[in-house]
C-alpha atoms as a PDB file:
ATOM      1  CA  MET A   1      77.472  66.695 -69.534  1.00  0.00           C
ATOM      2  CA  ASN A   2      75.098  63.788 -70.169  1.00  0.00           C
ATOM      3  CA  THR A   3      75.388  62.711 -66.504  1.00  0.00           C
ATOM      4  CA  LEU A   4      74.575  66.247 -65.377  1.00  0.00           C
ATOM      5  CA  VAL A   5      71.424  66.305 -67.511  1.00  0.00           C
ATOM      6  CA  LYS A   6      70.393  62.909 -66.139  1.00  0.00           C
ATOM      7  CA  SER A   7      70.933  64.009 -62.523  1.00  0.00           C
ATOM      8  CA  GLU A   8      68.920  67.200 -63.114  1.00  0.00           C
ATOM      9  CA  ASN A   9      66.113  65.110 -64.609  1.00  0.00           C
ATOM     10  CA  ALA A  10      66.333  62.692 -61.672  1.00  0.00           C
ATOM     11  CA  LEU A  11      66.185  65.611 -59.253  1.00  0.00           C
ATOM     12  CA  GLU A  12      63.102  66.994 -60.972  1.00  0.00           C
ATOM     13  CA  LEU A  13      61.478  63.553 -60.857  1.00  0.00           C
ATOM     14  CA  VAL A  14      62.172  63.238 -57.126  1.00  0.00           C
ATOM     15  CA  LYS A  15      60.808  66.734 -56.496  1.00  0.00           C
ATOM     16  CA  GLU A  16      57.658  65.889 -58.456  1.00  0.00           C
ATOM     17  CA  GLN A  17      57.237  62.633 -56.547  1.00  0.00           C
ATOM     18  CA  VAL A  18      57.615  64.422 -53.213  1.00  0.00           C
ATOM     19  CA  LYS A  19      55.117  67.064 -54.319  1.00  0.00           C
ATOM     20  CA  SER A  20      52.705  64.342 -55.454  1.00  0.00           C
ATOM     21  CA  ILE A  21      53.064  62.445 -52.171  1.00  0.00           C
ATOM     22  CA  ARG A  22      52.572  65.642 -50.168  1.00  0.00           C
ATOM     23  CA  ASN A  23      49.430  66.474 -52.172  1.00  0.00           C
ATOM     24  CA  LEU A  24      48.098  62.962 -51.659  1.00  0.00           C
ATOM     25  CA  TYR A  25      48.895  63.149 -47.954  1.00  0.00           C
ATOM     26  CA  ASP A  26      47.086  66.472 -47.657  1.00  0.00           C
ATOM     27  CA  ALA A  27      44.143  65.167 -49.706  1.00  0.00           C
ATOM     28  CA  VAL A  28      43.384  62.353 -47.250  1.00  0.00           C
ATOM     29  CA  ARG A  29      43.585  64.738 -44.299  1.00  0.00           C
ATOM     30  CA  LEU A  30      40.123  66.209 -44.758  1.00  0.00           C
ATOM     31  CA  PRO A  31      39.373  69.066 -42.382  1.00  0.00           C
ATOM     32  CA  ALA A  32      36.305  68.308 -40.279  1.00  0.00           C
ATOM     33  CA  PRO A  33      34.152  71.198 -41.601  1.00  0.00           C
ATOM     34  CA  LEU A  34      34.672  70.098 -45.201  1.00  0.00           C
ATOM     35  CA  LEU A  35      32.686  66.880 -44.918  1.00  0.00           C
ATOM     36  CA  ALA A  36      31.328  67.248 -41.399  1.00  0.00           C
ATOM     37  CA  GLU A  37      28.210  65.126 -41.823  1.00  0.00           C
ATOM     38  CA  ASN A  38      29.866  62.136 -43.510  1.00  0.00           C
ATOM     39  CA  TYR A  39      32.951  62.487 -41.370  1.00  0.00           C
ATOM     40  CA  GLU A  40      30.985  62.487 -38.141  1.00  0.00           C
ATOM     41  CA  THR A  41      28.772  59.629 -39.336  1.00  0.00           C
ATOM     42  CA  GLU A  42      31.821  57.489 -40.082  1.00  0.00           C
ATOM     43  CA  LEU A  43      33.355  58.289 -36.701  1.00  0.00           C
ATOM     44  CA  VAL A  44      30.123  57.357 -34.956  1.00  0.00           C
ATOM     45  CA  LYS A  45      30.155  54.009 -36.798  1.00  0.00           C
ATOM     46  CA  MET A  46      33.756  53.407 -35.712  1.00  0.00           C
ATOM     47  CA  PHE A  47      32.901  54.209 -32.098  1.00  0.00           C
ATOM     48  CA  VAL A  48      29.818  51.991 -32.100  1.00  0.00           C
ATOM     49  CA  GLU A  49      31.847  49.116 -33.565  1.00  0.00           C
ATOM     50  CA  LEU A  50      34.534  49.619 -30.908  1.00  0.00           C
ATOM     51  CA  ASN A  51      31.914  49.840 -28.180  1.00  0.00           C
ATOM     52  CA  GLN A  52      30.362  46.562 -29.345  1.00  0.00           C
ATOM     53  CA  PHE A  53      33.754  44.904 -29.800  1.00  0.00           C
ATOM     54  CA  VAL A  54      35.218  45.508 -26.348  1.00  0.00           C
ATOM     55  CA  ASN A  55      34.295  43.184 -23.517  1.00  0.00           C
ATOM     56  CA  VAL A  56      34.001  45.655 -20.675  1.00  0.00           C
ATOM     57  CA  LYS A  57      31.394  46.117 -17.986  1.00  0.00           C
ATOM     58  CA  ASN A  58      30.734  49.807 -18.627  1.00  0.00           C
ATOM     59  CA  LYS A  59      30.460  50.850 -22.257  1.00  0.00           C
ATOM     60  CA  MET A  60      29.991  54.324 -23.681  1.00  0.00           C
ATOM     61  CA  ASN A  61      26.471  55.615 -24.199  1.00  0.00           C
ATOM     62  CA  GLN A  62      25.383  57.681 -27.196  1.00  0.00           C
ATOM     63  CA  ALA A  63      25.910  61.033 -25.453  1.00  0.00           C
ATOM     64  CA  GLN A  64      29.444  60.053 -24.404  1.00  0.00           C
ATOM     65  CA  ILE A  65      30.300  58.932 -27.934  1.00  0.00           C
ATOM     66  CA  ILE A  66      29.069  62.213 -29.444  1.00  0.00           C
ATOM     67  CA  GLU A  67      30.905  64.295 -26.819  1.00  0.00           C
ATOM     68  CA  THR A  68      34.130  62.359 -27.403  1.00  0.00           C
ATOM     69  CA  ILE A  69      33.821  62.846 -31.166  1.00  0.00           C
ATOM     70  CA  SER A  70      33.348  66.563 -30.581  1.00  0.00           C
ATOM     71  CA  LEU A  71      36.496  66.652 -28.435  1.00  0.00           C
ATOM     72  CA  LEU A  72      38.440  64.745 -31.090  1.00  0.00           C
ATOM     73  CA  PHE A  73      37.350  67.258 -33.743  1.00  0.00           C
ATOM     74  CA  GLU A  74      38.474  70.132 -31.538  1.00  0.00           C
ATOM     75  CA  GLU A  75      41.815  68.626 -30.535  1.00  0.00           C
ATOM     76  CA  TYR A  76      42.748  66.816 -33.772  1.00  0.00           C
ATOM     77  CA  PRO A  77      40.906  68.526 -36.643  1.00  0.00           C
ATOM     78  CA  ARG A  78      43.281  67.389 -39.401  1.00  0.00           C
ATOM     79  CA  LEU A  79      43.191  63.621 -38.894  1.00  0.00           C
ATOM     80  CA  SER A  80      41.780  61.680 -41.813  1.00  0.00           C
ATOM     81  CA  LEU A  81      39.155  58.978 -41.627  1.00  0.00           C
ATOM     82  CA  GLN A  82      41.854  56.488 -42.609  1.00  0.00           C
ATOM     83  CA  GLU A  83      43.904  57.563 -39.612  1.00  0.00           C
ATOM     84  CA  TYR A  84      40.881  57.189 -37.350  1.00  0.00           C
ATOM     85  CA  ALA A  85      40.313  53.687 -38.741  1.00  0.00           C
ATOM     86  CA  ILE A  86      43.914  52.792 -37.886  1.00  0.00           C
ATOM     87  CA  PHE A  87      43.480  54.334 -34.443  1.00  0.00           C
ATOM     88  CA  PHE A  88      40.375  52.284 -33.641  1.00  0.00           C
ATOM     89  CA  ARG A  89      42.005  49.124 -34.974  1.00  0.00           C
ATOM     90  CA  LYS A  90      44.956  49.704 -32.653  1.00  0.00           C
ATOM     91  CA  ILE A  91      42.594  50.033 -29.693  1.00  0.00           C
ATOM     92  CA  LYS A  92      40.860  46.783 -30.681  1.00  0.00           C
ATOM     93  CA  THR A  93      44.177  44.944 -30.868  1.00  0.00           C
ATOM     94  CA  GLY A  94      45.242  46.187 -27.434  1.00  0.00           C
ATOM     95  CA  TYR A  95      48.077  48.310 -28.797  1.00  0.00           C
ATOM     96  CA  TYR A  96      47.491  50.979 -26.148  1.00  0.00           C
ATOM     97  CA  GLY A  97      46.889  48.480 -23.372  1.00  0.00           C
ATOM     98  CA  GLN A  98      44.137  46.413 -21.920  1.00  0.00           C
ATOM     99  CA  LEU A  99      40.750  48.003 -21.266  1.00  0.00           C
ATOM    100  CA  TYR A 100      39.581  47.153 -17.757  1.00  0.00           C
ATOM    101  CA  GLU A 101      36.033  47.610 -16.549  1.00  0.00           C
ATOM    102  CA  SER A 102      35.094  50.487 -18.851  1.00  0.00           C
ATOM    103  CA  LEU A 103      35.505  52.323 -22.101  1.00  0.00           C
ATOM    104  CA  ASP A 104      35.190  56.091 -21.802  1.00  0.00           C
ATOM    105  CA  GLY A 105      36.093  59.351 -23.444  1.00  0.00           C
ATOM    106  CA  ILE A 106      39.054  60.014 -21.169  1.00  0.00           C
ATOM    107  CA  LYS A 107      40.679  56.720 -22.191  1.00  0.00           C
ATOM    108  CA  ILE A 108      39.960  57.394 -25.869  1.00  0.00           C
ATOM    109  CA  MET A 109      41.501  60.879 -25.619  1.00  0.00           C
ATOM    110  CA  ALA A 110      44.601  59.503 -23.856  1.00  0.00           C
ATOM    111  CA  PHE A 111      44.982  56.826 -26.553  1.00  0.00           C
ATOM    112  CA  MET A 112      44.533  59.472 -29.250  1.00  0.00           C
ATOM    113  CA  LYS A 113      47.261  61.618 -27.734  1.00  0.00           C
ATOM    114  CA  ASP A 114      49.688  58.702 -28.096  1.00  0.00           C
ATOM    115  CA  PHE A 115      48.439  57.895 -31.591  1.00  0.00           C
ATOM    116  CA  TYR A 116      48.728  61.504 -32.743  1.00  0.00           C
ATOM    117  CA  HIS A 117      52.337  61.675 -31.562  1.00  0.00           C
ATOM    118  CA  GLU A 118      53.056  58.507 -33.571  1.00  0.00           C
ATOM    119  CA  VAL A 119      51.427  59.969 -36.702  1.00  0.00           C
ATOM    120  CA  ARG A 120      53.296  63.263 -36.395  1.00  0.00           C
ATOM    121  CA  LYS A 121      56.612  61.455 -35.842  1.00  0.00           C
ATOM    122  CA  GLU A 122      56.086  59.262 -38.911  1.00  0.00           C
ATOM    123  CA  TYR A 123      55.119  62.276 -41.027  1.00  0.00           C
ATOM    124  CA  ASN A 124      58.120  64.309 -39.819  1.00  0.00           C
ATOM    125  CA  ASP A 125      60.460  61.350 -40.415  1.00  0.00           C
ATOM    126  CA  PHE A 126      59.013  61.005 -43.912  1.00  0.00           C
ATOM    127  CA  LYS A 127      59.553  64.703 -44.644  1.00  0.00           C
ATOM    128  CA  GLU A 128      63.106  64.630 -43.285  1.00  0.00           C
ATOM    129  CA  GLU A 129      64.010  61.575 -45.355  1.00  0.00           C
ATOM    130  CA  ASN A 130      62.601  63.163 -48.505  1.00  0.00           C
ATOM    131  CA  HIS A 131      64.507  66.369 -47.784  1.00  0.00           C
ATOM    132  CA  ARG A 132      67.680  64.336 -47.259  1.00  0.00           C
ATOM    133  CA  GLN A 133      67.110  62.486 -50.536  1.00  0.00           C
ATOM    134  CA  ILE A 134      66.664  65.769 -52.427  1.00  0.00           C
ATOM    135  CA  LYS A 135      69.853  67.154 -50.890  1.00  0.00           C
ATOM    136  CA  LEU A 136      71.656  63.955 -51.847  1.00  0.00           C
ATOM    137  CA  MET A 137      70.376  64.209 -55.426  1.00  0.00           C
ATOM    138  CA  GLU A 138      71.521  67.844 -55.563  1.00  0.00           C
ATOM    139  CA  GLY A 139      74.998  66.710 -54.563  1.00  0.00           C
ATOM    140  CA  HIS A 140      75.139  68.223 -51.082  1.00  0.00           C
ATOM    141  CA  ARG A 141      77.666  66.565 -48.827  1.00  0.00           C
ATOM    142  CA  ASP A 142      76.395  67.969 -45.534  1.00  0.00           C
ATOM    143  CA  ILE A 143      73.170  65.983 -45.400  1.00  0.00           C
ATOM    144  CA  GLY A 144      73.819  64.318 -42.056  1.00  0.00           C
ATOM    145  CA  ILE A 145      73.556  60.577 -42.456  1.00  0.00           C
ATOM    146  CA  TYR A 146      71.750  58.981 -39.567  1.00  0.00           C
END
C-alpha cells in the first residue's frame, strides 16, 4: 500500500515536471507577432554580426538581410530567439559547411532547413522519452525500449 502511494506521488511529480518543461519550452518559443519589433531587431543584430564575422567576398546588404528575416518569419514563425542564436553560432563555427565567396539568403534558408529538422527531432525525442518515462512510472510493460 505504501509503495503504491509513493509510486502515485512519483507519477504526479513526473507529470508536473513534464508539464512545467512543456510550458517553459512553449514560453521561449515566442510567436513573431507577439514581440515583432524586439524580435526583428534582435534578428537583425544577429545577421549583422554574422555578416561582419564571415570572411567572404560578397556579403549581404541591408535589403537582403531584411528580406531573409521576413522569409524566416514566414517559414519558421515559432522559433525562439535562443534558437536563432544557436543557429547563427552554428553557422559561425562552420557546422553547416564552409561559406565560399558569398553569404546570401538562399544559403541561410538552406542552413535553417537543416537546423529546423534538428530542433524538431530533438523536441520529438524529448517528448517520446517523457512519454516513455510516464508509461514506465504507470507500470506499463509495453513501452518499447529502444
